[in-house]
Amino acid sequence: MRRLLQTLVLFSLVAFSVQAADKKQQQQYYLKPDQTADLTAGAKMITAKQNCENWALAAGVETLLRLQNVPLDQNFWVMRLNGGEVCVDTLPTIDALTLVVNKDFVLDDGRHVRLEVRFVPGPPVNIDAVIAGLKLQQVSLLVWCGHPYYLTGITYDERIGRDGTRFFEVKELRLANTYAKLPGITFEKGRDNPDEIAGILNVSVQTH
């Protein structure tokens, strides 16, 4: 009986220690709610000349490149994607875009550039990279429900550990439309389905 009591006391002490450790672990993180990162109001984002998904994507690519001093316009990309300035209501695949973008180009001023599509599929997971890009005023495209939008801002909760570890949780993504004269929209956690986000698109430029 005495040995049983000793065992029960030991078990209780272990359980208490585990609970205390759990509470201590939870208390190690400081919450900074509703943090934001946004593009400035003056960020130049080009809209599609036609309200068609192929033109929307081409306009997005034009914007990404012009911000890196590569003046290849949406007409150029629609011609390469579709063989003519036609209207297509379905978004070109990333594979199709990669096939026409990932090449060496000679620009009108004689510069040689190498372009490369960088696509991260699915809803944003590497949130710190998204936040850093917005703070550096880097424009990217977010493909949601088969349509490309400019990612213009994010609201997130940040948890900071005593050891400097940071965790981010997205609460809202603010998006500008690639179609002309249409308002921006917002993706909200808990209201919208993250599975409908196809991914985030950028295009890198190397001069050689």
Protein backbone atom coordinates (compact mmCIF):
# COMPACT_ATOMS: atom_id res chain seq x y z
CA MET A 1 0.00 0.00 0.00
CA ARG A 2 2.86 2.38 0.91
CA ARG A 3 4.59 1.64 -2.38
CA LEU A 4 1.34 2.34 -4.24
CA LEU A 5 1.00 5.72 -2.47
CA GLN A 6 4.59 6.58 -3.33
CA THR A 7 3.89 5.71 -6.97
CA LEU A 8 0.76 7.88 -7.02
CA VAL A 9 2.62 10.81 -5.44
CA LEU A 10 5.44 10.47 -7.97
CA PHE A 11 2.95 10.32 -10.85
CA SER A 12 1.20 13.45 -9.55
CA LEU A 13 4.50 15.31 -9.28
CA VAL A 14 5.48 14.32 -12.84
CA ALA A 15 2.08 15.38 -14.18
CA PHE A 16 2.32 18.70 -12.33
CA SER A 17 5.83 19.26 -13.68
CA VAL A 18 4.66 18.58 -17.25
CA GLN A 19 1.76 21.00 -16.86
CA ALA A 20 4.05 23.64 -15.42
CA ALA A 21 6.51 23.14 -18.27
CA ASP A 22 3.70 23.46 -20.80
CA LYS A 23 2.52 26.71 -19.21
CA LYS A 24 6.07 28.03 -19.09
CA GLN A 25 6.52 27.12 -22.75
CA GLN A 26 3.32 28.98 -23.67
CA GLN A 27 4.41 32.02 -21.69
CA GLN A 28 7.67 32.24 -23.62
CA TYR A 29 5.91 33.73 -26.65
CA TYR A 30 4.87 37.37 -26.84
CA LEU A 31 1.92 38.10 -29.16
CA LYS A 32 1.96 41.16 -31.42
CA PRO A 33 -1.50 41.10 -33.05
CA ASP A 34 -2.63 42.74 -36.27
CA GLN A 35 0.76 43.64 -37.72
CA THR A 36 0.69 44.95 -41.30
CA ALA A 37 2.92 45.30 -44.34
CA ASP A 38 1.78 47.12 -47.49
CA LEU A 39 2.97 48.45 -50.79
CA THR A 40 3.03 52.22 -50.97
CA ALA A 41 0.15 54.00 -52.68
CA GLY A 42 2.45 55.02 -55.54
CA ALA A 43 3.31 51.46 -56.59
CA LYS A 44 2.77 51.23 -60.36
CA MET A 45 0.68 48.19 -61.30
CA ILE A 46 -0.40 47.76 -64.93
CA THR A 47 -3.88 46.48 -65.73
CA ALA A 48 -4.95 44.26 -68.62
CA LYS A 49 -5.91 45.88 -71.93
CA GLN A 50 -8.66 43.28 -72.23
CA ASN A 51 -10.61 41.64 -69.40
CA CYS A 52 -9.37 38.15 -70.29
CA GLU A 53 -7.28 35.87 -68.11
CA ASN A 54 -4.39 35.62 -70.59
CA TRP A 55 -4.18 39.42 -70.77
CA ALA A 56 -4.43 39.67 -66.98
CA LEU A 57 -1.46 37.37 -66.54
CA ALA A 58 0.48 39.18 -69.29
CA ALA A 59 -0.19 42.52 -67.59
CA GLY A 60 1.08 41.09 -64.32
CA VAL A 61 4.27 39.85 -65.96
CA GLU A 62 4.73 43.25 -67.62
CA THR A 63 4.49 44.94 -64.20
CA LEU A 64 6.93 42.54 -62.54
CA LEU A 65 9.45 43.12 -65.32
CA ARG A 66 9.06 46.91 -65.63
CA LEU A 67 9.84 47.23 -61.94
CA GLN A 68 13.14 45.52 -62.80
CA ASN A 69 13.80 47.76 -65.81
CA VAL A 70 12.76 45.21 -68.44
CA PRO A 71 10.23 46.87 -70.81
CA LEU A 72 8.48 43.85 -72.37
CA ASP A 73 4.79 44.70 -72.48
CA GLN A 74 1.64 42.59 -72.19
CA ASN A 75 1.12 42.51 -75.97
CA PHE A 76 4.50 40.85 -76.29
CA TRP A 77 3.58 38.17 -73.75
CA VAL A 78 0.09 37.51 -75.12
CA MET A 79 1.60 37.01 -78.58
CA ARG A 80 4.09 34.51 -77.16
CA LEU A 81 1.49 32.70 -75.05
CA ASN A 82 -1.32 32.52 -77.59
CA GLY A 83 0.20 33.17 -81.01
CA GLY A 84 -1.92 36.30 -81.46
CA GLU A 85 -3.68 39.07 -79.55
CA VAL A 86 -6.68 36.93 -78.69
CA CYS A 87 -8.90 36.81 -75.61
CA VAL A 88 -8.76 33.59 -73.55
CA ASP A 89 -11.04 33.23 -70.53
CA THR A 90 -8.93 30.60 -68.75
CA LEU A 91 -5.63 31.40 -67.10
CA PRO A 92 -2.56 30.00 -68.88
CA THR A 93 -0.83 27.27 -66.90
CA ILE A 94 2.39 27.98 -65.05
CA ASP A 95 4.10 25.45 -67.32
CA ALA A 96 2.93 27.37 -70.40
CA LEU A 97 4.12 30.65 -68.90
CA THR A 98 7.46 29.15 -67.90
CA LEU A 99 7.97 27.85 -71.43
CA VAL A 100 7.78 31.34 -72.95
CA VAL A 101 9.40 33.35 -70.14
CA ASN A 102 12.38 31.24 -69.09
CA LYS A 103 14.71 32.36 -71.86
CA ASP A 104 17.44 34.83 -72.79
CA PHE A 105 16.17 38.08 -74.33
CA VAL A 106 17.94 40.95 -76.05
CA LEU A 107 16.26 44.26 -75.22
CA ASP A 108 15.99 47.28 -77.50
CA ASP A 109 18.84 49.02 -75.67
CA GLY A 110 21.15 46.06 -76.33
CA ARG A 111 21.03 44.55 -72.86
CA HIS A 112 20.95 40.77 -72.56
CA VAL A 113 18.70 39.44 -69.80
CA ARG A 114 17.76 36.01 -68.54
CA LEU A 115 14.21 35.71 -67.18
CA GLU A 116 12.93 33.01 -64.87
CA VAL A 117 9.46 32.36 -63.47
CA ARG A 118 9.44 31.69 -59.75
CA PHE A 119 6.19 30.13 -58.58
CA VAL A 120 5.45 28.95 -55.04
CA PRO A 121 2.32 26.75 -55.21
CA GLY A 122 -0.49 26.83 -52.66
CA PRO A 123 -1.39 29.44 -50.03
CA PRO A 124 1.54 31.37 -48.52
CA VAL A 125 3.48 29.30 -46.02
CA ASN A 126 6.78 31.18 -45.84
CA ILE A 127 5.05 34.24 -44.39
CA ASP A 128 8.23 36.05 -43.35
CA ALA A 129 9.36 36.10 -46.99
CA VAL A 130 6.01 37.59 -48.06
CA ILE A 131 6.25 40.25 -45.34
CA ALA A 132 9.85 41.07 -46.25
CA GLY A 133 8.95 41.41 -49.94
CA LEU A 134 6.13 43.85 -49.19
CA LYS A 135 8.33 45.91 -46.88
CA LEU A 136 10.92 46.08 -49.68
CA GLN A 137 8.13 47.19 -52.06
CA GLN A 138 8.48 44.08 -54.22
CA VAL A 139 5.36 43.35 -56.26
CA SER A 140 4.18 39.76 -56.74
CA LEU A 141 1.13 38.06 -58.23
CA LEU A 142 -1.19 35.87 -56.19
CA VAL A 143 -3.38 33.49 -58.21
CA TRP A 144 -6.74 33.01 -56.51
CA CYS A 145 -9.76 31.23 -58.04
CA GLY A 146 -8.10 31.13 -61.46
CA HIS A 147 -7.32 34.87 -61.60
CA PRO A 148 -4.06 36.77 -60.95
CA TYR A 149 -4.08 39.61 -58.43
CA TYR A 150 -1.35 41.93 -57.22
CA LEU A 151 -0.50 41.22 -53.59
CA THR A 152 -0.52 44.69 -52.03
CA GLY A 153 -0.72 44.05 -48.30
CA ILE A 154 -0.96 41.60 -45.44
CA THR A 155 -2.28 41.62 -41.87
CA TYR A 156 -0.80 39.02 -39.54
CA ASP A 157 -0.25 38.03 -35.94
CA GLU A 158 3.36 37.70 -34.84
CA ARG A 159 4.54 35.57 -31.93
CA ILE A 160 8.06 36.21 -30.62
CA GLY A 161 9.90 33.75 -28.40
CA ARG A 162 12.45 34.66 -25.76
CA ASP A 163 15.10 33.08 -27.97
CA GLY A 164 14.14 35.35 -30.88
CA THR A 165 12.05 32.74 -32.70
CA ARG A 166 9.18 34.25 -34.66
CA PHE A 167 5.93 32.71 -35.87
CA PHE A 168 3.52 34.42 -38.25
CA GLU A 169 -0.16 33.74 -38.84
CA VAL A 170 -1.93 35.34 -41.80
CA LYS A 171 -5.23 37.05 -41.03
CA GLU A 172 -5.78 39.01 -44.25
CA LEU A 173 -4.29 39.39 -47.72
CA ARG A 174 -5.07 42.58 -49.64
CA LEU A 175 -5.17 42.25 -53.41
CA ALA A 176 -5.39 44.67 -56.36
CA ASN A 177 -7.07 43.52 -59.55
CA THR A 178 -5.21 43.01 -62.81
CA TYR A 179 -8.44 43.98 -64.59
CA ALA A 180 -8.92 47.69 -65.20
CA LYS A 181 -11.51 49.67 -63.20
CA LEU A 182 -12.30 46.77 -60.87
CA PRO A 183 -11.84 47.23 -57.11
CA GLY A 184 -9.35 45.30 -55.06
CA ILE A 185 -10.48 42.41 -52.88
CA THR A 186 -9.41 40.87 -49.60
CA PHE A 187 -8.69 37.28 -48.66
CA GLU A 188 -9.70 36.72 -45.02
CA LYS A 189 -8.74 33.79 -42.84
CA GLY A 190 -11.82 31.90 -41.67
CA ARG A 191 -14.01 33.33 -44.40
CA ASP A 192 -12.21 32.33 -47.58
CA ASN A 193 -10.85 28.94 -48.63
CA PRO A 194 -7.03 28.82 -48.75
CA ASP A 195 -7.22 25.79 -51.06
CA GLU A 196 -8.45 28.17 -53.77
CA ILE A 197 -5.09 29.97 -53.77
CA ALA A 198 -2.98 28.41 -56.53
CA GLY A 199 0.22 30.16 -55.48
CA ILE A 200 2.43 33.26 -55.65
CA LEU A 201 4.26 34.24 -58.82
CA ASN A 202 7.38 36.32 -59.38
CA VAL A 203 9.79 36.71 -62.29
CA SER A 204 13.53 37.12 -61.69
CA VAL A 205 15.85 39.04 -63.99
CA GLN A 206 19.54 38.43 -64.52
CA THR A 207 21.60 40.74 -66.73
CA HIS A 208 24.56 39.25 -68.58
